[in-house]
Full PDB file with SEQRES, HELIX, SHEET, SSBOND, CRYST1, ORIGX, SCALE, CONECT and MASTER records, all heavy atoms in Angstrom:
SEQRES   1 A   40  PHE TYR ARG THR TYR GLY ALA ARG TYR ALA ALA LEU VAL          
SEQRES   2 A   40  VAL VAL CYS ASP MET GLY LYS THR ALA ALA ALA VAL LEU          
SEQRES   3 A   40  ILE GLY GLY HIS ILE PHE SER ALA LEU PHE SER ASP TRP          
SEQRES   4 A   40  THR                                                          
HELIX    1 AA1 TYR A    2  TYR A    5  1                                   4    
HELIX    2 AA2 ALA A   10  PHE A   36  1                                  27    
CRYST1    1.000    1.000    1.000  90.00  90.00  90.00 P 1           1          
ORIGX1      1.000000  0.000000  0.000000        0.00000                         
ORIGX2      0.000000  1.000000  0.000000        0.00000                         
ORIGX3      0.000000  0.000000  1.000000        0.00000                         
SCALE1      1.000000  0.000000  0.000000        0.00000                         
SCALE2      0.000000  1.000000  0.000000        0.00000                         
SCALE3      0.000000  0.000000  1.000000        0.00000                         
ATOM      1  N   PHE A   1      13.593 -12.111   0.368  1.00  0.00           N  
ATOM      2  CA  PHE A   1      14.482 -11.009   0.526  1.00  0.00           C  
ATOM      3  C   PHE A   1      15.153 -11.085   1.897  1.00  0.00           C  
ATOM      4  O   PHE A   1      16.306 -10.939   2.061  1.00  0.00           O  
ATOM      5  CB  PHE A   1      13.727  -9.667   0.401  1.00  0.00           C  
ATOM      6  CG  PHE A   1      14.583  -8.475   0.549  1.00  0.00           C  
ATOM      7  CD1 PHE A   1      15.087  -7.801  -0.571  1.00  0.00           C  
ATOM      8  CD2 PHE A   1      14.885  -7.905   1.811  1.00  0.00           C  
ATOM      9  CE1 PHE A   1      15.873  -6.655  -0.449  1.00  0.00           C  
ATOM     10  CE2 PHE A   1      15.682  -6.793   1.957  1.00  0.00           C  
ATOM     11  CZ  PHE A   1      16.161  -6.147   0.809  1.00  0.00           C  
ATOM     12  N   TYR A   2      14.319 -11.365   2.879  1.00  0.00           N  
ATOM     13  CA  TYR A   2      14.827 -11.458   4.243  1.00  0.00           C  
ATOM     14  C   TYR A   2      15.859 -12.589   4.453  1.00  0.00           C  
ATOM     15  O   TYR A   2      16.852 -12.451   5.079  1.00  0.00           O  
ATOM     16  CB  TYR A   2      13.678 -11.623   5.247  1.00  0.00           C  
ATOM     17  CG  TYR A   2      14.066 -11.769   6.711  1.00  0.00           C  
ATOM     18  CD1 TYR A   2      14.304 -10.704   7.467  1.00  0.00           C  
ATOM     19  CD2 TYR A   2      14.203 -13.041   7.252  1.00  0.00           C  
ATOM     20  CE1 TYR A   2      14.690 -10.787   8.809  1.00  0.00           C  
ATOM     21  CE2 TYR A   2      14.626 -13.171   8.607  1.00  0.00           C  
ATOM     22  CZ  TYR A   2      14.805 -12.063   9.354  1.00  0.00           C  
ATOM     23  OH  TYR A   2      15.223 -12.178  10.659  1.00  0.00           O  
ATOM     24  N   ARG A   3      15.471 -13.766   3.852  1.00  0.00           N  
ATOM     25  CA  ARG A   3      16.369 -14.898   3.968  1.00  0.00           C  
ATOM     26  C   ARG A   3      17.705 -14.678   3.168  1.00  0.00           C  
ATOM     27  O   ARG A   3      18.708 -15.216   3.575  1.00  0.00           O  
ATOM     28  CB  ARG A   3      15.666 -16.139   3.390  1.00  0.00           C  
ATOM     29  CG  ARG A   3      14.446 -16.595   4.229  1.00  0.00           C  
ATOM     30  CD  ARG A   3      13.845 -17.895   3.649  1.00  0.00           C  
ATOM     31  NE  ARG A   3      12.646 -18.304   4.367  1.00  0.00           N  
ATOM     32  CZ  ARG A   3      12.724 -18.993   5.524  1.00  0.00           C  
ATOM     33  NH1 ARG A   3      13.827 -19.347   6.004  1.00  0.00           N  
ATOM     34  NH2 ARG A   3      11.561 -19.319   6.109  1.00  0.00           N  
ATOM     35  N   THR A   4      17.636 -13.853   2.174  1.00  0.00           N  
ATOM     36  CA  THR A   4      18.813 -13.575   1.391  1.00  0.00           C  
ATOM     37  C   THR A   4      19.741 -12.500   1.971  1.00  0.00           C  
ATOM     38  O   THR A   4      20.895 -12.694   2.045  1.00  0.00           O  
ATOM     39  CB  THR A   4      18.404 -13.266  -0.119  1.00  0.00           C  
ATOM     40  OG1 THR A   4      17.642 -14.288  -0.670  1.00  0.00           O  
ATOM     41  CG2 THR A   4      19.646 -12.984  -0.894  1.00  0.00           C  
ATOM     42  N   TYR A   5      19.103 -11.414   2.311  1.00  0.00           N  
ATOM     43  CA  TYR A   5      19.911 -10.224   2.787  1.00  0.00           C  
ATOM     44  C   TYR A   5      19.769  -9.938   4.291  1.00  0.00           C  
ATOM     45  O   TYR A   5      20.527  -9.040   4.769  1.00  0.00           O  
ATOM     46  CB  TYR A   5      19.451  -8.962   1.984  1.00  0.00           C  
ATOM     47  CG  TYR A   5      19.505  -9.172   0.453  1.00  0.00           C  
ATOM     48  CD1 TYR A   5      18.306  -9.215  -0.227  1.00  0.00           C  
ATOM     49  CD2 TYR A   5      20.696  -9.349  -0.160  1.00  0.00           C  
ATOM     50  CE1 TYR A   5      18.361  -9.360  -1.635  1.00  0.00           C  
ATOM     51  CE2 TYR A   5      20.746  -9.526  -1.554  1.00  0.00           C  
ATOM     52  CZ  TYR A   5      19.601  -9.448  -2.258  1.00  0.00           C  
ATOM     53  OH  TYR A   5      19.646  -9.666  -3.648  1.00  0.00           O  
ATOM     54  N   GLY A   6      18.888 -10.595   4.954  1.00  0.00           N  
ATOM     55  CA  GLY A   6      18.710 -10.299   6.416  1.00  0.00           C  
ATOM     56  C   GLY A   6      17.746  -9.090   6.578  1.00  0.00           C  
ATOM     57  O   GLY A   6      17.071  -8.650   5.707  1.00  0.00           O  
ATOM     58  N   ALA A   7      17.765  -8.595   7.892  1.00  0.00           N  
ATOM     59  CA  ALA A   7      16.750  -7.592   8.241  1.00  0.00           C  
ATOM     60  C   ALA A   7      17.153  -6.196   7.966  1.00  0.00           C  
ATOM     61  O   ALA A   7      16.372  -5.272   8.069  1.00  0.00           O  
ATOM     62  CB  ALA A   7      16.445  -7.753   9.718  1.00  0.00           C  
ATOM     63  N   ARG A   8      18.408  -5.971   7.559  1.00  0.00           N  
ATOM     64  CA  ARG A   8      18.887  -4.631   7.429  1.00  0.00           C  
ATOM     65  C   ARG A   8      18.089  -3.740   6.512  1.00  0.00           C  
ATOM     66  O   ARG A   8      17.781  -2.564   6.881  1.00  0.00           O  
ATOM     67  CB  ARG A   8      20.388  -4.677   6.909  1.00  0.00           C  
ATOM     68  CG  ARG A   8      21.049  -3.325   6.840  1.00  0.00           C  
ATOM     69  CD  ARG A   8      22.513  -3.446   6.389  1.00  0.00           C  
ATOM     70  NE  ARG A   8      23.134  -2.127   6.376  1.00  0.00           N  
ATOM     71  CZ  ARG A   8      24.388  -1.940   5.999  1.00  0.00           C  
ATOM     72  NH1 ARG A   8      25.127  -3.003   5.590  1.00  0.00           N  
ATOM     73  NH2 ARG A   8      24.909  -0.742   5.953  1.00  0.00           N  
ATOM     74  N   TYR A   9      17.675  -4.224   5.353  1.00  0.00           N  
ATOM     75  CA  TYR A   9      16.911  -3.428   4.412  1.00  0.00           C  
ATOM     76  C   TYR A   9      15.492  -3.921   4.228  1.00  0.00           C  
ATOM     77  O   TYR A   9      14.760  -3.435   3.415  1.00  0.00           O  
ATOM     78  CB  TYR A   9      17.589  -3.464   3.036  1.00  0.00           C  
ATOM     79  CG  TYR A   9      18.982  -2.858   3.016  1.00  0.00           C  
ATOM     80  CD1 TYR A   9      20.109  -3.709   2.857  1.00  0.00           C  
ATOM     81  CD2 TYR A   9      19.223  -1.451   3.247  1.00  0.00           C  
ATOM     82  CE1 TYR A   9      21.372  -3.154   2.879  1.00  0.00           C  
ATOM     83  CE2 TYR A   9      20.500  -0.986   3.282  1.00  0.00           C  
ATOM     84  CZ  TYR A   9      21.598  -1.811   3.071  1.00  0.00           C  
ATOM     85  OH  TYR A   9      22.881  -1.280   3.097  1.00  0.00           O  
ATOM     86  N   ALA A  10      15.086  -4.872   5.047  1.00  0.00           N  
ATOM     87  CA  ALA A  10      13.718  -5.453   4.946  1.00  0.00           C  
ATOM     88  C   ALA A  10      12.648  -4.410   5.171  1.00  0.00           C  
ATOM     89  O   ALA A  10      11.533  -4.461   4.575  1.00  0.00           O  
ATOM     90  CB  ALA A  10      13.537  -6.578   5.945  1.00  0.00           C  
ATOM     91  N   ALA A  11      12.941  -3.404   5.980  1.00  0.00           N  
ATOM     92  CA  ALA A  11      11.904  -2.367   6.242  1.00  0.00           C  
ATOM     93  C   ALA A  11      11.548  -1.572   4.987  1.00  0.00           C  
ATOM     94  O   ALA A  11      10.433  -1.127   4.786  1.00  0.00           O  
ATOM     95  CB  ALA A  11      12.459  -1.380   7.340  1.00  0.00           C  
ATOM     96  N   LEU A  12      12.523  -1.480   4.157  1.00  0.00           N  
ATOM     97  CA  LEU A  12      12.332  -0.682   2.867  1.00  0.00           C  
ATOM     98  C   LEU A  12      11.316  -1.490   1.981  1.00  0.00           C  
ATOM     99  O   LEU A  12      10.446  -0.887   1.310  1.00  0.00           O  
ATOM    100  CB  LEU A  12      13.639  -0.482   2.070  1.00  0.00           C  
ATOM    101  CG  LEU A  12      14.679   0.427   2.741  1.00  0.00           C  
ATOM    102  CD1 LEU A  12      15.958   0.409   1.932  1.00  0.00           C  
ATOM    103  CD2 LEU A  12      14.140   1.838   2.903  1.00  0.00           C  
ATOM    104  N   VAL A  13      11.436  -2.809   1.983  1.00  0.00           N  
ATOM    105  CA  VAL A  13      10.518  -3.668   1.274  1.00  0.00           C  
ATOM    106  C   VAL A  13       9.084  -3.530   1.787  1.00  0.00           C  
ATOM    107  O   VAL A  13       8.147  -3.348   1.072  1.00  0.00           O  
ATOM    108  CB  VAL A  13      10.950  -5.095   1.313  1.00  0.00           C  
ATOM    109  CG1 VAL A  13       9.992  -6.003   0.456  1.00  0.00           C  
ATOM    110  CG2 VAL A  13      12.318  -5.250   0.687  1.00  0.00           C  
ATOM    111  N   VAL A  14       8.994  -3.533   3.130  1.00  0.00           N  
ATOM    112  CA  VAL A  14       7.677  -3.415   3.768  1.00  0.00           C  
ATOM    113  C   VAL A  14       7.086  -2.083   3.431  1.00  0.00           C  
ATOM    114  O   VAL A  14       5.833  -2.027   3.139  1.00  0.00           O  
ATOM    115  CB  VAL A  14       7.858  -3.607   5.307  1.00  0.00           C  
ATOM    116  CG1 VAL A  14       6.497  -3.274   6.030  1.00  0.00           C  
ATOM    117  CG2 VAL A  14       8.354  -4.964   5.712  1.00  0.00           C  
ATOM    118  N   VAL A  15       7.823  -1.026   3.580  1.00  0.00           N  
ATOM    119  CA  VAL A  15       7.264   0.356   3.323  1.00  0.00           C  
ATOM    120  C   VAL A  15       6.778   0.482   1.876  1.00  0.00           C  
ATOM    121  O   VAL A  15       5.719   1.006   1.636  1.00  0.00           O  
ATOM    122  CB  VAL A  15       8.377   1.421   3.623  1.00  0.00           C  
ATOM    123  CG1 VAL A  15       7.902   2.780   3.064  1.00  0.00           C  
ATOM    124  CG2 VAL A  15       8.615   1.499   5.154  1.00  0.00           C  
ATOM    125  N   CYS A  16       7.574  -0.099   0.966  1.00  0.00           N  
ATOM    126  CA  CYS A  16       7.206   0.025  -0.492  1.00  0.00           C  
ATOM    127  C   CYS A  16       5.983  -0.790  -0.733  1.00  0.00           C  
ATOM    128  O   CYS A  16       5.012  -0.265  -1.315  1.00  0.00           O  
ATOM    129  CB  CYS A  16       8.397  -0.481  -1.294  1.00  0.00           C  
ATOM    130  SG  CYS A  16       8.026  -0.421  -3.134  1.00  0.00           S  
ATOM    131  N   ASP A  17       5.878  -2.067  -0.324  1.00  0.00           N  
ATOM    132  CA  ASP A  17       4.808  -2.944  -0.645  1.00  0.00           C  
ATOM    133  C   ASP A  17       3.502  -2.511   0.041  1.00  0.00           C  
ATOM    134  O   ASP A  17       2.441  -2.669  -0.509  1.00  0.00           O  
ATOM    135  CB  ASP A  17       5.183  -4.373  -0.356  1.00  0.00           C  
ATOM    136  CG  ASP A  17       6.138  -4.898  -1.365  1.00  0.00           C  
ATOM    137  OD1 ASP A  17       6.329  -4.312  -2.364  1.00  0.00           O  
ATOM    138  OD2 ASP A  17       6.737  -5.995  -1.087  1.00  0.00           O  
ATOM    139  N   MET A  18       3.611  -2.101   1.295  1.00  0.00           N  
ATOM    140  CA  MET A  18       2.424  -1.642   1.969  1.00  0.00           C  
ATOM    141  C   MET A  18       2.033  -0.232   1.563  1.00  0.00           C  
ATOM    142  O   MET A  18       0.848   0.094   1.468  1.00  0.00           O  
ATOM    143  CB  MET A  18       2.620  -1.706   3.538  1.00  0.00           C  
ATOM    144  CG  MET A  18       2.899  -3.062   4.062  1.00  0.00           C  
ATOM    145  SD  MET A  18       2.965  -3.241   5.802  1.00  0.00           S  
ATOM    146  CE  MET A  18       1.185  -3.240   6.247  1.00  0.00           C  
ATOM    147  N   GLY A  19       3.031   0.572   1.231  1.00  0.00           N  
ATOM    148  CA  GLY A  19       2.771   1.964   0.786  1.00  0.00           C  
ATOM    149  C   GLY A  19       2.005   1.983  -0.487  1.00  0.00           C  
ATOM    150  O   GLY A  19       1.031   2.825  -0.696  1.00  0.00           O  
ATOM    151  N   LYS A  20       2.524   1.212  -1.438  1.00  0.00           N  
ATOM    152  CA  LYS A  20       1.788   1.209  -2.812  1.00  0.00           C  
ATOM    153  C   LYS A  20       0.368   0.711  -2.656  1.00  0.00           C  
ATOM    154  O   LYS A  20      -0.579   1.218  -3.345  1.00  0.00           O  
ATOM    155  CB  LYS A  20       2.522   0.290  -3.751  1.00  0.00           C  
ATOM    156  CG  LYS A  20       2.435  -1.208  -3.496  1.00  0.00           C  
ATOM    157  CD  LYS A  20       3.340  -2.029  -4.400  1.00  0.00           C  
ATOM    158  CE  LYS A  20       3.168  -3.497  -4.106  1.00  0.00           C  
ATOM    159  NZ  LYS A  20       4.161  -4.375  -4.877  1.00  0.00           N  
ATOM    160  N   THR A  21       0.130  -0.250  -1.777  1.00  0.00           N  
ATOM    161  CA  THR A  21      -1.247  -0.741  -1.592  1.00  0.00           C  
ATOM    162  C   THR A  21      -2.119   0.333  -0.885  1.00  0.00           C  
ATOM    163  O   THR A  21      -3.268   0.485  -1.241  1.00  0.00           O  
ATOM    164  CB  THR A  21      -1.261  -2.057  -0.723  1.00  0.00           C  
ATOM    165  OG1 THR A  21      -0.396  -2.968  -1.353  1.00  0.00           O  
ATOM    166  CG2 THR A  21      -2.654  -2.640  -0.633  1.00  0.00           C  
ATOM    167  N   ALA A  22      -1.518   0.980   0.064  1.00  0.00           N  
ATOM    168  CA  ALA A  22      -2.234   2.073   0.728  1.00  0.00           C  
ATOM    169  C   ALA A  22      -2.671   3.152  -0.246  1.00  0.00           C  
ATOM    170  O   ALA A  22      -3.825   3.635  -0.252  1.00  0.00           O  
ATOM    171  CB  ALA A  22      -1.376   2.672   1.810  1.00  0.00           C  
ATOM    172  N   ALA A  23      -1.737   3.543  -1.152  1.00  0.00           N  
ATOM    173  CA  ALA A  23      -2.065   4.537  -2.186  1.00  0.00           C  
ATOM    174  C   ALA A  23      -3.198   4.068  -3.083  1.00  0.00           C  
ATOM    175  O   ALA A  23      -4.151   4.774  -3.318  1.00  0.00           O  
ATOM    176  CB  ALA A  23      -0.805   4.779  -3.000  1.00  0.00           C  
ATOM    177  N   ALA A  24      -3.109   2.762  -3.485  1.00  0.00           N  
ATOM    178  CA  ALA A  24      -4.178   2.295  -4.384  1.00  0.00           C  
ATOM    179  C   ALA A  24      -5.526   2.191  -3.723  1.00  0.00           C  
ATOM    180  O   ALA A  24      -6.519   2.529  -4.282  1.00  0.00           O  
ATOM    181  CB  ALA A  24      -3.747   0.810  -4.860  1.00  0.00           C  
ATOM    182  N   VAL A  25      -5.557   1.766  -2.459  1.00  0.00           N  
ATOM    183  CA  VAL A  25      -6.848   1.623  -1.690  1.00  0.00           C  
ATOM    184  C   VAL A  25      -7.372   3.008  -1.481  1.00  0.00           C  
ATOM    185  O   VAL A  25      -8.617   3.231  -1.653  1.00  0.00           O  
ATOM    186  CB  VAL A  25      -6.548   0.910  -0.378  1.00  0.00           C  
ATOM    187  CG1 VAL A  25      -7.777   1.007   0.533  1.00  0.00           C  
ATOM    188  CG2 VAL A  25      -6.214  -0.570  -0.632  1.00  0.00           C  
ATOM    189  N   LEU A  26      -6.609   3.966  -0.982  1.00  0.00           N  
ATOM    190  CA  LEU A  26      -7.079   5.308  -0.715  1.00  0.00           C  
ATOM    191  C   LEU A  26      -7.596   6.022  -1.948  1.00  0.00           C  
ATOM    192  O   LEU A  26      -8.664   6.717  -1.955  1.00  0.00           O  
ATOM    193  CB  LEU A  26      -6.050   6.095  -0.037  1.00  0.00           C  
ATOM    194  CG  LEU A  26      -5.630   5.625   1.391  1.00  0.00           C  
ATOM    195  CD1 LEU A  26      -4.438   6.396   1.953  1.00  0.00           C  
ATOM    196  CD2 LEU A  26      -6.854   5.726   2.331  1.00  0.00           C  
ATOM    197  N   ILE A  27      -6.837   5.876  -3.056  1.00  0.00           N  
ATOM    198  CA  ILE A  27      -7.255   6.544  -4.247  1.00  0.00           C  
ATOM    199  C   ILE A  27      -8.621   5.977  -4.787  1.00  0.00           C  
ATOM    200  O   ILE A  27      -9.540   6.618  -5.127  1.00  0.00           O  
ATOM    201  CB  ILE A  27      -6.212   6.361  -5.343  1.00  0.00           C  
ATOM    202  CG1 ILE A  27      -4.994   7.286  -4.996  1.00  0.00           C  
ATOM    203  CG2 ILE A  27      -6.693   6.857  -6.715  1.00  0.00           C  
ATOM    204  CD1 ILE A  27      -3.783   7.065  -5.879  1.00  0.00           C  
ATOM    205  N   GLY A  28      -8.642   4.624  -4.807  1.00  0.00           N  
ATOM    206  CA  GLY A  28      -9.858   3.939  -5.247  1.00  0.00           C  
ATOM    207  C   GLY A  28     -11.041   4.302  -4.381  1.00  0.00           C  
ATOM    208  O   GLY A  28     -12.161   4.560  -4.783  1.00  0.00           O  
ATOM    209  N   GLY A  29     -10.813   4.281  -3.022  1.00  0.00           N  
ATOM    210  CA  GLY A  29     -11.874   4.615  -2.087  1.00  0.00           C  
ATOM    211  C   GLY A  29     -12.404   6.024  -2.264  1.00  0.00           C  
ATOM    212  O   GLY A  29     -13.594   6.222  -2.282  1.00  0.00           O  
ATOM    213  N   HIS A  30     -11.557   6.991  -2.439  1.00  0.00           N  
ATOM    214  CA  HIS A  30     -11.910   8.397  -2.596  1.00  0.00           C  
ATOM    215  C   HIS A  30     -12.621   8.625  -3.935  1.00  0.00           C  
ATOM    216  O   HIS A  30     -13.585   9.392  -3.986  1.00  0.00           O  
ATOM    217  CB  HIS A  30     -10.709   9.355  -2.470  1.00  0.00           C  
ATOM    218  CG  HIS A  30     -10.246   9.501  -1.053  1.00  0.00           C  
ATOM    219  ND1 HIS A  30     -11.066   9.844  -0.012  1.00  0.00           N  
ATOM    220  CD2 HIS A  30      -9.010   9.273  -0.472  1.00  0.00           C  
ATOM    221  CE1 HIS A  30     -10.363   9.969   1.079  1.00  0.00           C  
ATOM    222  NE2 HIS A  30      -9.120   9.513   0.848  1.00  0.00           N  
ATOM    223  N   ILE A  31     -12.161   7.991  -4.954  1.00  0.00           N  
ATOM    224  CA  ILE A  31     -12.889   8.133  -6.271  1.00  0.00           C  
ATOM    225  C   ILE A  31     -14.270   7.562  -6.166  1.00  0.00           C  
ATOM    226  O   ILE A  31     -15.218   8.229  -6.638  1.00  0.00           O  
ATOM    227  CB  ILE A  31     -12.065   7.411  -7.421  1.00  0.00           C  
ATOM    228  CG1 ILE A  31     -10.822   8.168  -7.712  1.00  0.00           C  
ATOM    229  CG2 ILE A  31     -12.919   7.277  -8.640  1.00  0.00           C  
ATOM    230  CD1 ILE A  31      -9.900   7.490  -8.682  1.00  0.00           C  
ATOM    231  N   PHE A  32     -14.505   6.379  -5.644  1.00  0.00           N  
ATOM    232  CA  PHE A  32     -15.770   5.812  -5.601  1.00  0.00           C  
ATOM    233  C   PHE A  32     -16.641   6.519  -4.530  1.00  0.00           C  
ATOM    234  O   PHE A  32     -17.901   6.631  -4.700  1.00  0.00           O  
ATOM    235  CB  PHE A  32     -15.732   4.320  -5.197  1.00  0.00           C  
ATOM    236  CG  PHE A  32     -15.657   3.445  -6.403  1.00  0.00           C  
ATOM    237  CD1 PHE A  32     -14.595   3.398  -7.286  1.00  0.00           C  
ATOM    238  CD2 PHE A  32     -16.801   2.672  -6.740  1.00  0.00           C  
ATOM    239  CE1 PHE A  32     -14.568   2.589  -8.358  1.00  0.00           C  
ATOM    240  CE2 PHE A  32     -16.788   1.885  -7.889  1.00  0.00           C  
ATOM    241  CZ  PHE A  32     -15.666   1.849  -8.658  1.00  0.00           C  
ATOM    242  N   SER A  33     -16.087   7.061  -3.526  1.00  0.00           N  
ATOM    243  CA  SER A  33     -16.804   7.856  -2.520  1.00  0.00           C  
ATOM    244  C   SER A  33     -17.337   9.124  -3.174  1.00  0.00           C  
ATOM    245  O   SER A  33     -18.522   9.489  -2.946  1.00  0.00           O  
ATOM    246  CB  SER A  33     -15.910   8.239  -1.400  1.00  0.00           C  
ATOM    247  OG  SER A  33     -16.592   9.022  -0.369  1.00  0.00           O  
ATOM    248  N   ALA A  34     -16.523   9.782  -3.978  1.00  0.00           N  
ATOM    249  CA  ALA A  34     -16.944  11.063  -4.614  1.00  0.00           C  
ATOM    250  C   ALA A  34     -18.044  10.811  -5.760  1.00  0.00           C  
ATOM    251  O   ALA A  34     -18.948  11.624  -5.834  1.00  0.00           O  
ATOM    252  CB  ALA A  34     -15.752  11.726  -5.193  1.00  0.00           C  
ATOM    253  N   LEU A  35     -17.842   9.746  -6.481  1.00  0.00           N  
ATOM    254  CA  LEU A  35     -18.721   9.514  -7.616  1.00  0.00           C  
ATOM    255  C   LEU A  35     -20.002   8.670  -7.316  1.00  0.00           C  
ATOM    256  O   LEU A  35     -21.052   8.866  -7.862  1.00  0.00           O  
ATOM    257  CB  LEU A  35     -17.995   8.807  -8.728  1.00  0.00           C  
ATOM    258  CG  LEU A  35     -16.798   9.630  -9.362  1.00  0.00           C  
ATOM    259  CD1 LEU A  35     -16.113   8.803 -10.428  1.00  0.00           C  
ATOM    260  CD2 LEU A  35     -17.286  10.916  -9.929  1.00  0.00           C  
ATOM    261  N   PHE A  36     -19.791   7.743  -6.327  1.00  0.00           N  
ATOM    262  CA  PHE A  36     -20.897   6.778  -6.097  1.00  0.00           C  
ATOM    263  C   PHE A  36     -21.192   6.565  -4.659  1.00  0.00           C  
ATOM    264  O   PHE A  36     -22.067   5.737  -4.258  1.00  0.00           O  
ATOM    265  CB  PHE A  36     -20.527   5.398  -6.704  1.00  0.00           C  
ATOM    266  CG  PHE A  36     -20.066   5.446  -8.108  1.00  0.00           C  
ATOM    267  CD1 PHE A  36     -18.762   5.185  -8.389  1.00  0.00           C  
ATOM    268  CD2 PHE A  36     -20.951   5.725  -9.125  1.00  0.00           C  
ATOM    269  CE1 PHE A  36     -18.276   5.251  -9.722  1.00  0.00           C  
ATOM    270  CE2 PHE A  36     -20.503   5.801 -10.459  1.00  0.00           C  
ATOM    271  CZ  PHE A  36     -19.154   5.550 -10.746  1.00  0.00           C  
ATOM    272  N   SER A  37     -20.611   7.372  -3.749  1.00  0.00           N  
ATOM    273  CA  SER A  37     -20.855   7.363  -2.334  1.00  0.00           C  
ATOM    274  C   SER A  37     -20.623   5.971  -1.762  1.00  0.00           C  
ATOM    275  O   SER A  37     -21.357   5.387  -0.883  1.00  0.00           O  
ATOM    276  CB  SER A  37     -22.286   7.753  -1.986  1.00  0.00           C  
ATOM    277  OG  SER A  37     -22.537   9.085  -2.420  1.00  0.00           O  
ATOM    278  N   ASP A  38     -19.583   5.314  -2.281  1.00  0.00           N  
ATOM    279  CA  ASP A  38     -19.267   3.949  -1.796  1.00  0.00           C  
ATOM    280  C   ASP A  38     -17.719   3.765  -1.622  1.00  0.00           C  
ATOM    281  O   ASP A  38     -17.118   3.265  -2.539  1.00  0.00           O  
ATOM    282  CB  ASP A  38     -19.825   2.897  -2.842  1.00  0.00           C  
ATOM    283  CG  ASP A  38     -19.812   1.508  -2.224  1.00  0.00           C  
ATOM    284  OD1 ASP A  38     -19.076   1.198  -1.236  1.00  0.00           O  
ATOM    285  OD2 ASP A  38     -20.634   0.619  -2.737  1.00  0.00           O  
ATOM    286  N   TRP A  39     -17.171   4.282  -0.530  1.00  0.00           N  
ATOM    287  CA  TRP A  39     -15.774   4.196  -0.319  1.00  0.00           C  
ATOM    288  C   TRP A  39     -15.302   2.738  -0.290  1.00  0.00           C  
ATOM    289  O   TRP A  39     -14.207   2.449  -0.857  1.00  0.00           O  
ATOM    290  CB  TRP A  39     -15.429   4.802   1.027  1.00  0.00           C  
ATOM    291  CG  TRP A  39     -13.932   5.013   1.219  1.00  0.00           C  
ATOM    292  CD1 TRP A  39     -13.175   6.088   0.853  1.00  0.00           C  
ATOM    293  CD2 TRP A  39     -13.064   4.063   1.802  1.00  0.00           C  
ATOM    294  NE1 TRP A  39     -11.841   5.897   1.214  1.00  0.00           N  
ATOM    295  CE2 TRP A  39     -11.726   4.631   1.768  1.00  0.00           C  
ATOM    296  CE3 TRP A  39     -13.206   2.794   2.376  1.00  0.00           C  
ATOM    297  CZ2 TRP A  39     -10.679   4.028   2.289  1.00  0.00           C  
ATOM    298  CZ3 TRP A  39     -12.060   2.146   2.879  1.00  0.00           C  
ATOM    299  CH2 TRP A  39     -10.801   2.788   2.867  1.00  0.00           C  
ATOM    300  N   THR A  40     -16.030   1.837   0.374  1.00  0.00           N  
ATOM    301  CA  THR A  40     -15.601   0.475   0.546  1.00  0.00           C  
ATOM    302  C   THR A  40     -15.395  -0.242  -0.769  1.00  0.00           C  
ATOM    303  O   THR A  40     -14.422  -0.958  -0.964  1.00  0.00           O  
ATOM    304  CB  THR A  40     -16.540  -0.312   1.424  1.00  0.00           C  
ATOM    305  OG1 THR A  40     -16.608   0.346   2.714  1.00  0.00           O  
ATOM    306  CG2 THR A  40     -16.035  -1.730   1.654  1.00  0.00           C  
TER     307      THR A  40                                                      
MASTER        0    0    0    2    0    0    0    6  306    1    0    4          
END                                                                             
């Protein structure tokens, strides 16, 4: 993406890809913490 379009919109890609992972990690961690006391 960066090599094709440059840095102008690269931040949007970073926010999306890191944001979706953050959501997945936090949701999984909280579910396991609540049910099995194992956030990690």
